N, C-alpha and C. Protein backbone atom coordinates (compact mmCIF):
# COMPACT_ATOMS: atom_id res chain seq x y z
N MET A 1 0.84 -1.18 0.00
CA MET A 1 0.00 0.00 0.00
C MET A 1 0.89 1.24 0.00
N ALA A 2 0.63 2.16 -0.87
CA ALA A 2 1.42 3.38 -0.98
C ALA A 2 1.06 4.36 0.12
N ALA A 3 2.09 5.04 0.64
CA ALA A 3 1.85 6.04 1.68
C ALA A 3 1.28 7.30 1.05
N GLU A 4 0.34 7.92 1.74
CA GLU A 4 -0.23 9.18 1.25
C GLU A 4 0.71 10.32 1.62
N THR A 5 0.95 11.21 0.67
CA THR A 5 1.82 12.35 0.94
C THR A 5 1.05 13.66 0.96
N HIS A 6 -0.22 13.64 0.55
CA HIS A 6 -1.05 14.85 0.52
C HIS A 6 -0.38 15.96 -0.26
N GLY A 7 0.34 15.59 -1.34
CA GLY A 7 0.95 16.57 -2.21
C GLY A 7 2.28 17.11 -1.73
N ALA A 8 2.74 16.68 -0.55
CA ALA A 8 4.01 17.18 -0.03
C ALA A 8 5.15 16.33 -0.57
N GLY A 9 6.23 17.00 -0.92
CA GLY A 9 7.42 16.29 -1.36
C GLY A 9 8.32 15.97 -0.18
N LYS A 10 9.41 15.32 -0.48
CA LYS A 10 10.36 14.93 0.57
C LYS A 10 10.87 16.14 1.34
N GLU A 11 11.13 17.23 0.63
CA GLU A 11 11.66 18.43 1.28
C GLU A 11 10.68 18.99 2.31
N GLU A 12 9.42 19.08 1.90
CA GLU A 12 8.39 19.61 2.81
C GLU A 12 8.19 18.67 4.00
N PHE A 13 8.24 17.36 3.73
CA PHE A 13 8.09 16.38 4.80
C PHE A 13 9.19 16.54 5.83
N LEU A 14 10.43 16.67 5.37
CA LEU A 14 11.55 16.83 6.29
C LEU A 14 11.45 18.14 7.07
N ALA A 15 11.01 19.21 6.41
CA ALA A 15 10.86 20.50 7.07
C ALA A 15 9.76 20.46 8.12
N TYR A 16 8.80 19.57 7.97
CA TYR A 16 7.72 19.42 8.93
C TYR A 16 8.11 18.49 10.08
N VAL A 17 8.71 17.35 9.74
CA VAL A 17 9.01 16.32 10.73
C VAL A 17 10.10 16.78 11.71
N GLY A 18 11.13 17.46 11.22
CA GLY A 18 12.23 17.87 12.09
C GLY A 18 11.77 18.72 13.27
N PRO A 19 11.12 19.85 13.01
CA PRO A 19 10.64 20.67 14.12
C PRO A 19 9.58 19.97 14.98
N LEU A 20 8.74 19.16 14.36
CA LEU A 20 7.74 18.41 15.12
C LEU A 20 8.41 17.46 16.10
N ALA A 21 9.41 16.73 15.64
CA ALA A 21 10.14 15.82 16.52
C ALA A 21 10.84 16.59 17.64
N GLY A 22 11.36 17.77 17.33
CA GLY A 22 11.99 18.60 18.36
C GLY A 22 11.00 19.03 19.43
N GLU A 23 9.81 19.42 19.00
CA GLU A 23 8.76 19.82 19.94
C GLU A 23 8.34 18.64 20.80
N LEU A 24 8.18 17.48 20.18
CA LEU A 24 7.80 16.28 20.93
C LEU A 24 8.91 15.87 21.91
N ALA A 25 10.16 16.03 21.53
CA ALA A 25 11.28 15.73 22.43
C ALA A 25 11.24 16.67 23.63
N ARG A 26 10.95 17.94 23.39
CA ARG A 26 10.84 18.90 24.50
C ARG A 26 9.74 18.49 25.46
N LEU A 27 8.61 18.08 24.92
CA LEU A 27 7.50 17.62 25.77
C LEU A 27 7.87 16.36 26.54
N ALA A 28 8.58 15.44 25.88
CA ALA A 28 8.99 14.22 26.56
C ALA A 28 9.93 14.54 27.73
N ARG A 29 10.87 15.47 27.53
CA ARG A 29 11.75 15.87 28.63
C ARG A 29 10.96 16.50 29.76
N ALA A 30 9.99 17.34 29.43
CA ALA A 30 9.17 18.00 30.45
C ALA A 30 8.38 16.98 31.27
N HIS A 31 8.11 15.82 30.67
CA HIS A 31 7.36 14.76 31.36
C HIS A 31 8.28 13.66 31.89
N HIS A 32 9.57 13.98 31.96
CA HIS A 32 10.57 13.08 32.54
C HIS A 32 10.62 11.73 31.82
N LEU A 33 10.66 11.80 30.49
CA LEU A 33 10.76 10.61 29.64
C LEU A 33 12.04 10.73 28.80
N PRO A 34 13.21 10.56 29.43
CA PRO A 34 14.47 10.84 28.73
C PRO A 34 14.75 9.93 27.54
N THR A 35 14.37 8.66 27.60
CA THR A 35 14.64 7.77 26.47
C THR A 35 13.81 8.19 25.26
N LEU A 36 12.55 8.51 25.49
CA LEU A 36 11.70 8.97 24.39
C LEU A 36 12.23 10.29 23.83
N ALA A 37 12.66 11.20 24.72
CA ALA A 37 13.22 12.48 24.28
C ALA A 37 14.46 12.25 23.42
N TYR A 38 15.31 11.32 23.84
CA TYR A 38 16.52 11.00 23.08
C TYR A 38 16.18 10.49 21.69
N LEU A 39 15.24 9.55 21.62
CA LEU A 39 14.86 9.00 20.31
C LEU A 39 14.25 10.06 19.41
N LEU A 40 13.44 10.92 19.97
CA LEU A 40 12.84 12.00 19.18
C LEU A 40 13.90 12.99 18.71
N ASP A 41 14.92 13.23 19.55
CA ASP A 41 16.03 14.09 19.12
C ASP A 41 16.79 13.45 17.96
N MET A 42 16.91 12.13 17.98
CA MET A 42 17.56 11.44 16.86
C MET A 42 16.75 11.62 15.57
N VAL A 43 15.43 11.55 15.69
CA VAL A 43 14.56 11.80 14.53
C VAL A 43 14.78 13.22 14.02
N ARG A 44 14.82 14.18 14.94
CA ARG A 44 15.03 15.59 14.56
C ARG A 44 16.35 15.76 13.84
N LEU A 45 17.41 15.16 14.38
CA LEU A 45 18.73 15.30 13.76
C LEU A 45 18.80 14.62 12.40
N GLU A 46 18.16 13.47 12.28
CA GLU A 46 18.14 12.78 10.99
C GLU A 46 17.38 13.60 9.95
N ALA A 47 16.25 14.16 10.35
CA ALA A 47 15.48 15.01 9.42
C ALA A 47 16.31 16.23 9.02
N LYS A 48 17.03 16.81 9.97
CA LYS A 48 17.87 17.97 9.67
C LYS A 48 18.98 17.58 8.69
N GLY A 49 19.61 16.42 8.92
CA GLY A 49 20.66 15.96 8.02
C GLY A 49 20.14 15.67 6.63
N GLN A 50 18.99 15.02 6.56
CA GLN A 50 18.39 14.73 5.26
C GLN A 50 17.94 16.01 4.56
N ALA A 51 17.48 16.98 5.35
CA ALA A 51 17.04 18.25 4.76
C ALA A 51 18.20 18.99 4.11
N SER A 52 19.41 18.81 4.63
CA SER A 52 20.56 19.46 4.01
C SER A 52 20.88 18.82 2.66
N VAL A 53 20.50 17.54 2.50
CA VAL A 53 20.68 16.84 1.22
C VAL A 53 19.54 17.18 0.26
N HIS A 54 18.34 17.42 0.83
CA HIS A 54 17.14 17.72 0.05
C HIS A 54 16.55 19.06 0.51
N PRO A 55 17.21 20.20 0.21
CA PRO A 55 16.71 21.49 0.70
C PRO A 55 15.38 21.88 0.08
N LEU A 56 14.62 22.69 0.83
CA LEU A 56 13.35 23.22 0.32
C LEU A 56 13.61 24.08 -0.90
N LYS A 57 12.71 24.01 -1.83
CA LYS A 57 12.81 24.85 -3.03
C LYS A 57 12.42 26.29 -2.68
N PRO A 58 13.04 27.28 -3.32
CA PRO A 58 12.66 28.67 -3.07
C PRO A 58 11.17 28.88 -3.32
N GLY A 59 10.53 29.60 -2.42
CA GLY A 59 9.11 29.88 -2.57
C GLY A 59 8.19 28.82 -1.99
N ALA A 60 8.78 27.72 -1.45
CA ALA A 60 7.94 26.67 -0.85
C ALA A 60 7.33 27.21 0.45
N PRO A 61 6.11 26.79 0.77
CA PRO A 61 5.49 27.27 2.00
C PRO A 61 6.23 26.78 3.23
N ALA A 62 6.25 27.60 4.25
CA ALA A 62 6.92 27.24 5.50
C ALA A 62 6.12 26.14 6.20
N PRO A 63 6.82 25.20 6.86
CA PRO A 63 6.09 24.15 7.58
C PRO A 63 5.39 24.72 8.81
N ARG A 64 4.35 24.03 9.26
CA ARG A 64 3.63 24.46 10.46
C ARG A 64 4.55 24.35 11.66
N GLN A 65 4.41 25.27 12.58
CA GLN A 65 5.24 25.28 13.78
C GLN A 65 4.38 25.04 15.01
N ASP A 66 5.00 24.57 16.07
CA ASP A 66 4.40 24.43 17.39
C ASP A 66 3.10 23.62 17.36
N LEU A 67 3.18 22.45 16.76
CA LEU A 67 2.00 21.60 16.66
C LEU A 67 1.53 21.15 18.03
N GLY A 68 2.46 20.97 18.97
CA GLY A 68 2.08 20.52 20.31
C GLY A 68 1.07 21.41 20.97
N SER A 69 1.27 22.71 20.91
CA SER A 69 0.29 23.61 21.52
C SER A 69 -0.99 23.67 20.71
N ALA A 70 -0.89 23.39 19.41
CA ALA A 70 -2.09 23.41 18.57
C ALA A 70 -3.05 22.28 18.94
N VAL A 71 -2.52 21.20 19.47
CA VAL A 71 -3.37 20.08 19.86
C VAL A 71 -3.49 19.95 21.38
N GLY A 72 -3.08 20.98 22.10
CA GLY A 72 -3.25 21.00 23.55
C GLY A 72 -2.15 20.32 24.33
N LEU A 73 -1.01 20.02 23.69
CA LEU A 73 0.12 19.42 24.40
C LEU A 73 1.13 20.50 24.70
N THR A 74 1.35 20.76 25.97
CA THR A 74 2.35 21.74 26.36
C THR A 74 3.21 21.18 27.47
N ALA A 75 4.32 21.82 27.74
CA ALA A 75 5.20 21.39 28.82
C ALA A 75 4.50 21.51 30.16
N ASP A 76 3.46 22.34 30.26
CA ASP A 76 2.74 22.53 31.50
C ASP A 76 1.71 21.44 31.77
N ALA A 77 1.45 20.61 30.76
CA ALA A 77 0.45 19.56 30.92
C ALA A 77 0.94 18.54 31.95
N PRO A 78 0.05 18.03 32.79
CA PRO A 78 0.48 17.06 33.79
C PRO A 78 0.93 15.76 33.12
N ALA A 79 1.94 15.16 33.70
CA ALA A 79 2.45 13.90 33.17
C ALA A 79 1.49 12.77 33.52
N ARG A 80 1.31 11.86 32.55
CA ARG A 80 0.48 10.68 32.82
C ARG A 80 1.34 9.63 33.49
N ARG A 81 0.77 8.93 34.42
CA ARG A 81 1.53 7.88 35.12
C ARG A 81 0.81 6.58 34.99
């Protein structure tokens, strides 16, 4: 089964995933989940490295930022136990 891309190319995907993984890593650290934060940081770094190989084309729309707060996830949210 082919993955849906919703019209986004590799460059746009990397520009979206990198910051998203960084935000999720920040939330994981705030909830005292260091292993998850580490893995998410690895995703962020991989996306950043791949983005340098596949840079965004001039005029491409900027990726969405701060998705965590958009869906109600913030560092202030209580940790689930």
